[in-house]
PDB file of N, CA and C in Angstrom:
ATOM      1  N   MET A   1     173.605  22.818 109.374  1.00  0.00           N
ATOM      2  CA  MET A   1     174.613  22.183 108.539  1.00  0.00           C
ATOM      3  C   MET A   1     174.100  22.159 107.109  1.00  0.00           C
ATOM      4  N   GLY A   2     174.878  22.632 106.192  1.00  0.00           N
ATOM      5  CA  GLY A   2     174.414  22.724 104.818  1.00  0.00           C
ATOM      6  C   GLY A   2     174.676  21.455 104.027  1.00  0.00           C
ATOM      7  N   TRP A   3     174.419  21.556 102.743  1.00  0.00           N
ATOM      8  CA  TRP A   3     174.690  20.426 101.854  1.00  0.00           C
ATOM      9  C   TRP A   3     176.183  20.153 101.815  1.00  0.00           C
ATOM     10  N   MET A   4     176.522  18.877 101.773  1.00  0.00           N
ATOM     11  CA  MET A   4     177.909  18.477 101.570  1.00  0.00           C
ATOM     12  C   MET A   4     178.002  17.974 100.141  1.00  0.00           C
ATOM     13  N   ARG A   5     178.794  18.609  99.343  1.00  0.00           N
ATOM     14  CA  ARG A   5     178.841  18.247  97.929  1.00  0.00           C
ATOM     15  C   ARG A   5     179.859  17.136  97.718  1.00  0.00           C
ATOM     16  N   GLY A   6     179.417  16.106  96.994  1.00  0.00           N
ATOM     17  CA  GLY A   6     180.274  14.972  96.737  1.00  0.00           C
ATOM     18  C   GLY A   6     180.406  14.749  95.248  1.00  0.00           C
ATOM     19  N   LEU A   7     180.954  13.619  94.885  1.00  0.00           N
ATOM     20  CA  LEU A   7     181.203  13.353  93.478  1.00  0.00           C
ATOM     21  C   LEU A   7     179.912  13.281  92.674  1.00  0.00           C
ATOM     22  N   PRO A   8     179.126  12.170  92.746  1.00  0.00           N
ATOM     23  CA  PRO A   8     177.918  12.142  91.940  1.00  0.00           C
ATOM     24  C   PRO A   8     176.681  12.530  92.732  1.00  0.00           C
ATOM     25  N   THR A   9     176.833  12.897  94.005  1.00  0.00           N
ATOM     26  CA  THR A   9     175.663  13.068  94.854  1.00  0.00           C
ATOM     27  C   THR A   9     175.788  14.286  95.737  1.00  0.00           C
ATOM     28  N   GLU A  10     174.703  14.596  96.387  1.00  0.00           N
ATOM     29  CA  GLU A  10     174.717  15.550  97.480  1.00  0.00           C
ATOM     30  C   GLU A  10     174.046  14.851  98.648  1.00  0.00           C
ATOM     31  N   VAL A  11     174.572  15.050  99.839  1.00  0.00           N
ATOM     32  CA  VAL A  11     174.018  14.396 101.011  1.00  0.00           C
ATOM     33  C   VAL A  11     173.851  15.410 102.116  1.00  0.00           C
ATOM     34  N   ARG A  12     172.796  15.294 102.851  1.00  0.00           N
ATOM     35  CA  ARG A  12     172.643  16.110 104.045  1.00  0.00           C
ATOM     36  C   ARG A  12     172.221  15.198 105.180  1.00  0.00           C
ATOM     37  N   LEU A  13     172.927  15.299 106.281  1.00  0.00           N
ATOM     38  CA  LEU A  13     172.596  14.538 107.477  1.00  0.00           C
ATOM     39  C   LEU A  13     171.876  15.467 108.432  1.00  0.00           C
ATOM     40  N   SER A  14     170.728  15.016 108.916  1.00  0.00           N
ATOM     41  CA  SER A  14     170.040  15.859 109.881  1.00  0.00           C
ATOM     42  C   SER A  14     170.835  15.886 111.170  1.00  0.00           C
ATOM     43  N   ALA A  15     170.731  16.985 111.865  1.00  0.00           N
ATOM     44  CA  ALA A  15     171.426  17.155 113.126  1.00  0.00           C
ATOM     45  C   ALA A  15     170.483  17.885 114.068  1.00  0.00           C
ATOM     46  N   PRO A  16     170.744  17.842 115.374  1.00  0.00           N
ATOM     47  CA  PRO A  16     169.827  18.490 116.317  1.00  0.00           C
ATOM     48  C   PRO A  16     169.491  19.934 115.961  1.00  0.00           C
ATOM     49  N   ASP A  17     170.481  20.706 115.484  1.00  0.00           N
ATOM     50  CA  ASP A  17     170.225  22.099 115.139  1.00  0.00           C
ATOM     51  C   ASP A  17     169.284  22.239 113.952  1.00  0.00           C
ATOM     52  N   ASP A  18     169.257  21.208 113.085  1.00  0.00           N
ATOM     53  CA  ASP A  18     168.403  21.267 111.905  1.00  0.00           C
ATOM     54  C   ASP A  18     166.941  20.997 112.232  1.00  0.00           C
ATOM     55  N   LEU A  19     166.673  20.407 113.364  1.00  0.00           N
ATOM     56  CA  LEU A  19     165.319  19.949 113.636  1.00  0.00           C
ATOM     57  C   LEU A  19     164.332  21.097 113.788  1.00  0.00           C
ATOM     58  N   LEU A  20     164.838  22.292 114.049  1.00  0.00           N
ATOM     59  CA  LEU A  20     163.947  23.437 114.169  1.00  0.00           C
ATOM     60  C   LEU A  20     163.181  23.695 112.879  1.00  0.00           C
ATOM     61  N   SER A  21     163.786  23.355 111.743  1.00  0.00           N
ATOM     62  CA  SER A  21     163.139  23.601 110.461  1.00  0.00           C
ATOM     63  C   SER A  21     162.093  22.534 110.146  1.00  0.00           C
ATOM     64  N   HIS A  22     162.139  21.412 110.848  1.00  0.00           N
ATOM     65  CA  HIS A  22     161.242  20.278 110.595  1.00  0.00           C
ATOM     66  C   HIS A  22     161.349  19.786 109.158  1.00  0.00           C
ATOM     67  N   GLU A  23     162.467  20.100 108.534  1.00  0.00           N
ATOM     68  CA  GLU A  23     162.625  19.742 107.128  1.00  0.00           C
ATOM     69  C   GLU A  23     163.269  18.365 106.973  1.00  0.00           C
ATOM     70  N   TRP A  24     164.174  18.037 107.874  1.00  0.00           N
ATOM     71  CA  TRP A  24     164.911  16.788 107.763  1.00  0.00           C
ATOM     72  C   TRP A  24     164.673  15.961 109.021  1.00  0.00           C
ATOM     73  N   PRO A  25     163.908  14.855 108.922  1.00  0.00           N
ATOM     74  CA  PRO A  25     163.669  14.029 110.105  1.00  0.00           C
ATOM     75  C   PRO A  25     164.987  13.538 110.699  1.00  0.00           C
ATOM     76  N   ASP A  26     165.052  13.442 111.991  1.00  0.00           N
ATOM     77  CA  ASP A  26     166.280  13.048 112.670  1.00  0.00           C
ATOM     78  C   ASP A  26     166.747  11.679 112.203  1.00  0.00           C
ATOM     79  N   GLY A  27     168.040  11.561 111.934  1.00  0.00           N
ATOM     80  CA  GLY A  27     168.627  10.282 111.574  1.00  0.00           C
ATOM     81  C   GLY A  27     168.397   9.852 110.141  1.00  0.00           C
ATOM     82  N   ILE A  28     167.893  10.735 109.296  1.00  0.00           N
ATOM     83  CA  ILE A  28     167.655  10.371 107.903  1.00  0.00           C
ATOM     84  C   ILE A  28     168.659  11.100 107.022  1.00  0.00           C
ATOM     85  N   VAL A  29     169.206  10.381 106.073  1.00  0.00           N
ATOM     86  CA  VAL A  29     170.102  10.988 105.097  1.00  0.00           C
ATOM     87  C   VAL A  29     169.359  11.089 103.773  1.00  0.00           C
ATOM     88  N   HIS A  30     169.360  12.265 103.176  1.00  0.00           N
ATOM     89  CA  HIS A  30     168.759  12.477 101.876  1.00  0.00           C
ATOM     90  C   HIS A  30     169.874  12.458 100.841  1.00  0.00           C
ATOM     91  N   VAL A  31     169.800  11.585  99.867  1.00  0.00           N
ATOM     92  CA  VAL A  31     170.806  11.499  98.824  1.00  0.00           C
ATOM     93  C   VAL A  31     170.167  11.981  97.528  1.00  0.00           C
ATOM     94  N   PHE A  32     170.677  13.074  97.012  1.00  0.00           N
ATOM     95  CA  PHE A  32     170.140  13.646  95.779  1.00  0.00           C
ATOM     96  C   PHE A  32     171.063  13.285  94.629  1.00  0.00           C
ATOM     97  N   HIS A  33     170.500  12.677  93.585  1.00  0.00           N
ATOM     98  CA  HIS A  33     171.276  12.324  92.403  1.00  0.00           C
ATOM     99  C   HIS A  33     170.976  13.369  91.332  1.00  0.00           C
ATOM    100  N   PRO A  34     171.936  14.283  91.058  1.00  0.00           N
ATOM    101  CA  PRO A  34     171.635  15.393  90.151  1.00  0.00           C
ATOM    102  C   PRO A  34     171.284  14.956  88.736  1.00  0.00           C
ATOM    103  N   THR A  35     171.793  13.807  88.286  1.00  0.00           N
ATOM    104  CA  THR A  35     171.522  13.374  86.918  1.00  0.00           C
ATOM    105  C   THR A  35     170.060  12.987  86.734  1.00  0.00           C
ATOM    106  N   THR A  36     169.528  12.232  87.700  1.00  0.00           N
ATOM    107  CA  THR A  36     168.147  11.758  87.584  1.00  0.00           C
ATOM    108  C   THR A  36     167.158  12.678  88.265  1.00  0.00           C
ATOM    109  N   GLY A  37     167.653  13.537  89.156  1.00  0.00           N
ATOM    110  CA  GLY A  37     166.765  14.405  89.897  1.00  0.00           C
ATOM    111  C   GLY A  37     166.011  13.698  91.011  1.00  0.00           C
ATOM    112  N   GLU A  38     166.390  12.445  91.316  1.00  0.00           N
ATOM    113  CA  GLU A  38     165.706  11.677  92.348  1.00  0.00           C
ATOM    114  C   GLU A  38     166.345  11.913  93.706  1.00  0.00           C
ATOM    115  N   THR A  39     165.530  11.875  94.730  1.00  0.00           N
ATOM    116  CA  THR A  39     166.023  11.950  96.099  1.00  0.00           C
ATOM    117  C   THR A  39     165.768  10.609  96.762  1.00  0.00           C
ATOM    118  N   HIS A  40     166.795  10.032  97.343  1.00  0.00           N
ATOM    119  CA  HIS A  40     166.696   8.753  98.028  1.00  0.00           C
ATOM    120  C   HIS A  40     166.857   8.994  99.520  1.00  0.00           C
ATOM    121  N   LEU A  41     166.151   8.241 100.322  1.00  0.00           N
ATOM    122  CA  LEU A  41     166.260   8.354 101.768  1.00  0.00           C
ATOM    123  C   LEU A  41     166.932   7.107 102.313  1.00  0.00           C
ATOM    124  N   LEU A  42     167.912   7.292 103.165  1.00  0.00           N
ATOM    125  CA  LEU A  42     168.574   6.176 103.826  1.00  0.00           C
ATOM    126  C   LEU A  42     168.390   6.346 105.321  1.00  0.00           C
ATOM    127  N   ASN A  43     168.117   5.270 106.013  1.00  0.00           N
ATOM    128  CA  ASN A  43     167.924   5.339 107.458  1.00  0.00           C
ATOM    129  C   ASN A  43     169.269   5.428 108.153  1.00  0.00           C
ATOM    130  N   ALA A  44     169.605   6.594 108.604  1.00  0.00           N
ATOM    131  CA  ALA A  44     170.851   6.896 109.315  1.00  0.00           C
ATOM    132  C   ALA A  44     171.994   7.017 108.317  1.00  0.00           C
ATOM    133  N   PHE A  45     173.084   7.589 108.759  1.00  0.00           N
ATOM    134  CA  PHE A  45     174.293   7.665 107.955  1.00  0.00           C
ATOM    135  C   PHE A  45     175.135   6.486 108.387  1.00  0.00           C
ATOM    136  N   PRO A  46     175.131   5.384 107.608  1.00  0.00           N
ATOM    137  CA  PRO A  46     175.849   4.198 108.058  1.00  0.00           C
ATOM    138  C   PRO A  46     177.353   4.423 108.033  1.00  0.00           C
ATOM    139  N   ALA A  47     178.123   3.385 108.038  1.00  0.00           N
ATOM    140  CA  ALA A  47     179.578   3.445 107.998  1.00  0.00           C
ATOM    141  C   ALA A  47     180.071   3.385 109.415  1.00  0.00           C
ATOM    142  N   ALA A  48     181.231   3.759 109.724  1.00  0.00           N
ATOM    143  CA  ALA A  48     181.643   3.779 111.109  1.00  0.00           C
ATOM    144  C   ALA A  48     181.211   5.107 111.698  1.00  0.00           C
ATOM    145  N   VAL A  49     180.142   5.672 111.150  1.00  0.00           N
ATOM    146  CA  VAL A  49     179.607   6.944 111.620  1.00  0.00           C
ATOM    147  C   VAL A  49     178.357   6.652 112.431  1.00  0.00           C
ATOM    148  N   VAL A  50     178.253   7.241 113.593  1.00  0.00           N
ATOM    149  CA  VAL A  50     177.102   7.009 114.451  1.00  0.00           C
ATOM    150  C   VAL A  50     176.326   8.305 114.586  1.00  0.00           C
ATOM    151  N   ASP A  51     175.037   8.228 114.315  1.00  0.00           N
ATOM    152  CA  ASP A  51     174.182   9.388 114.550  1.00  0.00           C
ATOM    153  C   ASP A  51     174.073   9.543 116.057  1.00  0.00           C
ATOM    154  N   ALA A  52     174.531  10.665 116.567  1.00  0.00           N
ATOM    155  CA  ALA A  52     174.624  10.830 118.017  1.00  0.00           C
ATOM    156  C   ALA A  52     173.271  10.723 118.702  1.00  0.00           C
ATOM    157  N   THR A  53     172.206  11.073 118.013  1.00  0.00           N
ATOM    158  CA  THR A  53     170.892  11.026 118.651  1.00  0.00           C
ATOM    159  C   THR A  53     170.230   9.676 118.505  1.00  0.00           C
ATOM    160  N   ALA A  54     170.499   8.974 117.412  1.00  0.00           N
ATOM    161  CA  ALA A  54     169.834   7.684 117.194  1.00  0.00           C
ATOM    162  C   ALA A  54     170.698   6.512 117.623  1.00  0.00           C
ATOM    163  N   GLY A  55     172.014   6.716 117.692  1.00  0.00           N
ATOM    164  CA  GLY A  55     172.911   5.657 118.125  1.00  0.00           C
ATOM    165  C   GLY A  55     173.028   4.493 117.170  1.00  0.00           C
ATOM    166  N   ARG A  56     172.818   4.726 115.877  1.00  0.00           N
ATOM    167  CA  ARG A  56     172.902   3.647 114.896  1.00  0.00           C
ATOM    168  C   ARG A  56     174.238   3.711 114.165  1.00  0.00           C
ATOM    169  N   SER A  57     174.722   2.570 113.729  1.00  0.00           N
ATOM    170  CA  SER A  57     175.954   2.578 112.950  1.00  0.00           C
ATOM    171  C   SER A  57     175.946   1.428 111.961  1.00  0.00           C
ATOM    172  N   ARG A  58     176.723   1.580 110.893  1.00  0.00           N
ATOM    173  CA  ARG A  58     176.950   0.510 109.933  1.00  0.00           C
ATOM    174  C   ARG A  58     178.397   0.599 109.520  1.00  0.00           C
ATOM    175  N   ARG A  59     178.943  -0.510 109.089  1.00  0.00           N
ATOM    176  CA  ARG A  59     180.333  -0.545 108.655  1.00  0.00           C
ATOM    177  C   ARG A  59     180.470   0.166 107.314  1.00  0.00           C
ATOM    178  N   LEU A  60     181.607   0.814 107.121  1.00  0.00           N
ATOM    179  CA  LEU A  60     181.843   1.583 105.905  1.00  0.00           C
ATOM    180  C   LEU A  60     181.725   0.733 104.632  1.00  0.00           C
ATOM    181  N   PRO A  61     182.259  -0.492 104.587  1.00  0.00           N
ATOM    182  CA  PRO A  61     182.111  -1.273 103.350  1.00  0.00           C
ATOM    183  C   PRO A  61     180.646  -1.495 102.948  1.00  0.00           C
ATOM    184  N   GLU A  62     179.761  -1.673 103.934  1.00  0.00           N
ATOM    185  CA  GLU A  62     178.338  -1.840 103.628  1.00  0.00           C
ATOM    186  C   GLU A  62     177.771  -0.567 103.022  1.00  0.00           C
ATOM    187  N   LEU A  63     178.177   0.571 103.561  1.00  0.00           N
ATOM    188  CA  LEU A  63     177.677   1.842 103.050  1.00  0.00           C
ATOM    189  C   LEU A  63     178.176   2.097 101.636  1.00  0.00           C
ATOM    190  N   VAL A  64     179.441   1.828 101.400  1.00  0.00           N
ATOM    191  CA  VAL A  64     180.009   2.031 100.070  1.00  0.00           C
ATOM    192  C   VAL A  64     179.257   1.185  99.047  1.00  0.00           C
ATOM    193  N   GLU A  65     179.011  -0.066  99.393  1.00  0.00           N
ATOM    194  CA  GLU A  65     178.297  -0.959  98.473  1.00  0.00           C
ATOM    195  C   GLU A  65     176.874  -0.458  98.218  1.00  0.00           C
ATOM    196  N   GLU A  66     176.201  -0.027  99.290  1.00  0.00           N
ATOM    197  CA  GLU A  66     174.827   0.459  99.166  1.00  0.00           C
ATOM    198  C   GLU A  66     174.759   1.705  98.288  1.00  0.00           C
ATOM    199  N   PHE A  67     175.660   2.669  98.528  1.00  0.00           N
ATOM    200  CA  PHE A  67     175.660   3.894  97.742  1.00  0.00           C
ATOM    201  C   PHE A  67     176.045   3.614  96.291  1.00  0.00           C
ATOM    202  N   ALA A  68     177.023   2.746  96.081  1.00  0.00           N
ATOM    203  CA  ALA A  68     177.462   2.441  94.719  1.00  0.00           C
ATOM    204  C   ALA A  68     176.317   1.826  93.916  1.00  0.00           C
ATOM    205  N   ASP A  69     175.569   0.921  94.545  1.00  0.00           N
ATOM    206  CA  ASP A  69     174.420   0.319  93.858  1.00  0.00           C
ATOM    207  C   ASP A  69     173.335   1.355  93.593  1.00  0.00           C
ATOM    208  N   LEU A  70     173.043   2.150  94.606  1.00  0.00           N
ATOM    209  CA  LEU A  70     171.979   3.143  94.512  1.00  0.00           C
ATOM    210  C   LEU A  70     172.276   4.174  93.431  1.00  0.00           C
ATOM    211  N   LEU A  71     173.537   4.574  93.345  1.00  0.00           N
ATOM    212  CA  LEU A  71     173.921   5.667  92.452  1.00  0.00           C
ATOM    213  C   LEU A  71     174.556   5.189  91.155  1.00  0.00           C
ATOM    214  N   ASP A  72     174.704   3.864  91.025  1.00  0.00           N
ATOM    215  CA  ASP A  72     175.329   3.296  89.835  1.00  0.00           C
ATOM    216  C   ASP A  72     176.681   3.958  89.585  1.00  0.00           C
ATOM    217  N   SER A  73     177.485   4.026  90.647  1.00  0.00           N
ATOM    218  CA  SER A  73     178.802   4.649  90.598  1.00  0.00           C
ATOM    219  C   SER A  73     179.852   3.643  91.067  1.00  0.00           C
ATOM    220  N   PRO A  74     181.113   3.800  90.617  1.00  0.00           N
ATOM    221  CA  PRO A  74     182.170   2.891  91.072  1.00  0.00           C
ATOM    222  C   PRO A  74     182.382   2.998  92.580  1.00  0.00           C
ATOM    223  N   GLN A  75     182.650   1.853  93.212  1.00  0.00           N
ATOM    224  CA  GLN A  75     182.821   1.840  94.667  1.00  0.00           C
ATOM    225  C   GLN A  75     184.000   2.688  95.124  1.00  0.00           C
ATOM    226  N   ASP A  76     185.104   2.720  94.372  1.00  0.00           N
ATOM    227  CA  ASP A  76     186.249   3.513  94.813  1.00  0.00           C
ATOM    228  C   ASP A  76     185.920   5.006  94.800  1.00  0.00           C
ATOM    229  N   GLN A  77     185.101   5.443  93.858  1.00  0.00           N
ATOM    230  CA  GLN A  77     184.684   6.837  93.798  1.00  0.00           C
ATOM    231  C   GLN A  77     183.787   7.165  94.994  1.00  0.00           C
ATOM    232  N   VAL A  78     182.858   6.265  95.294  1.00  0.00           N
ATOM    233  CA  VAL A  78     181.963   6.468  96.431  1.00  0.00           C
ATOM    234  C   VAL A  78     182.764   6.504  97.726  1.00  0.00           C
ATOM    235  N   ARG A  79     183.754   5.623  97.855  1.00  0.00           N
ATOM    236  CA  ARG A  79     184.569   5.573  99.071  1.00  0.00           C
ATOM    237  C   ARG A  79     185.325   6.886  99.297  1.00  0.00           C
ATOM    238  N   ARG A  80     185.922   7.431  98.235  1.00  0.00           N
ATOM    239  CA  ARG A  80     186.651   8.701  98.368  1.00  0.00           C
ATOM    240  C   ARG A  80     185.707   9.820  98.790  1.00  0.00           C
ATOM    241  N   TRP A  81     184.521   9.857  98.197  1.00  0.00           N
ATOM    242  CA  TRP A  81     183.561  10.894  98.543  1.00  0.00           C
ATOM    243  C   TRP A  81     183.114  10.753  99.991  1.00  0.00           C
ATOM    244  N   LEU A  82     182.829   9.518 100.421  1.00  0.00           N
ATOM    245  CA  LEU A  82     182.388   9.299 101.796  1.00  0.00           C
ATOM    246  C   LEU A  82     183.471   9.643 102.802  1.00  0.00           C
ATOM    247  N   ASP A  83     184.716   9.366 102.470  1.00  0.00           N
ATOM    248  CA  ASP A  83     185.805   9.731 103.369  1.00  0.00           C
ATOM    249  C   ASP A  83     185.787  11.233 103.645  1.00  0.00           C
ATOM    250  N   ARG A  84     185.572  12.025 102.602  1.00  0.00           N
ATOM    251  CA  ARG A  84     185.512  13.480 102.783  1.00  0.00           C
ATOM    252  C   ARG A  84     184.287  13.873 103.614  1.00  0.00           C
ATOM    253  N   ALA A  85     183.146  13.217 103.343  1.00  0.00           N
ATOM    254  CA  ALA A  85     181.930  13.538 104.090  1.00  0.00           C
ATOM    255  C   ALA A  85     182.089  13.196 105.567  1.00  0.00           C
ATOM    256  N   VAL A  86     182.718  12.067 105.850  1.00  0.00           N
ATOM    257  CA  VAL A  86     182.933  11.662 107.246  1.00  0.00           C
ATOM    258  C   VAL A  86     183.800  12.683 107.963  1.00  0.00           C
ATOM    259  N   LEU A  87     184.852  13.163 107.317  1.00  0.00           N
ATOM    260  CA  LEU A  87     185.713  14.169 107.941  1.00  0.00           C
ATOM    261  C   LEU A  87     184.940  15.449 108.234  1.00  0.00           C
ATOM    262  N   GLU A  88     184.074  15.837 107.315  1.00  0.00           N
ATOM    263  CA  GLU A  88     183.291  17.049 107.534  1.00  0.00           C
ATOM    264  C   GLU A  88     182.300  16.853 108.678  1.00  0.00           C
ATOM    265  N   LEU A  89     181.684  15.680 108.738  1.00  0.00           N
ATOM    266  CA  LEU A  89     180.740  15.396 109.817  1.00  0.00           C
ATOM    267  C   LEU A  89     181.446  15.374 111.162  1.00  0.00           C
ATOM    268  N   GLU A  90     182.622  14.774 111.207  1.00  0.00           N
ATOM    269  CA  GLU A  90     183.368  14.708 112.454  1.00  0.00           C
ATOM    270  C   GLU A  90     183.729  16.117 112.921  1.00  0.00           C
ATOM    271  N   ALA A  91     184.129  16.965 111.985  1.00  0.00           N
ATOM    272  CA  ALA A  91     184.500  18.324 112.338  1.00  0.00           C
ATOM    273  C   ALA A  91     183.306  19.116 112.859  1.00  0.00           C
ATOM    274  N   SER A  92     182.111  18.747 112.428  1.00  0.00           N
ATOM    275  CA  SER A  92     180.916  19.471 112.871  1.00  0.00           C
ATOM    276  C   SER A  92     180.553  19.149 114.312  1.00  0.00           C
ATOM    277  N   GLU A  93     181.146  18.085 114.853  1.00  0.00           N
ATOM    278  CA  GLU A  93     180.886  17.636 116.216  1.00  0.00           C
ATOM    279  C   GLU A  93     179.423  17.231 116.416  1.00  0.00           C
ATOM    280  N   LEU A  94     178.743  16.898 115.313  1.00  0.00           N
ATOM    281  CA  LEU A  94     177.354  16.459 115.401  1.00  0.00           C
ATOM    282  C   LEU A  94     177.242  14.945 115.432  1.00  0.00           C
ATOM    283  N   VAL A  95     178.332  14.258 115.139  1.00  0.00           N
ATOM    284  CA  VAL A  95     178.327  12.801 115.171  1.00  0.00           C
ATOM    285  C   VAL A  95     179.596  12.310 115.838  1.00  0.00           C
ATOM    286  N   ARG A  96     179.565  11.068 116.299  1.00  0.00           N
ATOM    287  CA  ARG A  96     180.757  10.410 116.821  1.00  0.00           C
ATOM    288  C   ARG A  96     181.319   9.530 115.718  1.00  0.00           C
ATOM    289  N   ILE A  97     182.612   9.468 115.625  1.00  0.00           N
ATOM    290  CA  ILE A  97     183.261   8.573 114.674  1.00  0.00           C
ATOM    291  C   ILE A  97     183.791   7.380 115.457  1.00  0.00           C
ATOM    292  N   GLU A  98     183.335   6.195 115.092  1.00  0.00           N
ATOM    293  CA  GLU A  98     183.797   4.978 115.755  1.00  0.00           C
ATOM    294  C   GLU A  98     184.841   4.311 114.885  1.00  0.00           C
ATOM    295  N   THR A  99     185.912   3.892 115.491  1.00  0.00           N
ATOM    296  CA  THR A  99     186.938   3.171 114.751  1.00  0.00           C
ATOM    297  C   THR A  99     187.037   1.763 115.304  1.00  0.00           C
ATOM    298  N   GLY A 100     187.551   0.873 114.477  1.00  0.00           N
ATOM    299  CA  GLY A 100     187.732  -0.503 114.923  1.00  0.00           C
ATOM    300  C   GLY A 100     186.543  -1.383 114.664  1.00  0.00           C
TER     301      GLY A 100
END
């Protein structure tokens, strides 16, 4: 699974197929901020997204707030970007999407 390009960030979620490269530890999300050149690590992809191998989840509002603070970006912008990322992740069949 390649980079998913978003508004102010790039995110990659590790998946079982990626583990062969040993580049991305399972369940870790790397958030790259192109303006600062910094890479941030978040434990799991929170939101109503569950890492199928780690079984962790967080509510979407918590994730939006965390990303907005981390990236110094408006929450509505982060929410729109995450919505697109969630759809792409769901289509990859590498994660389960929990609703409710």
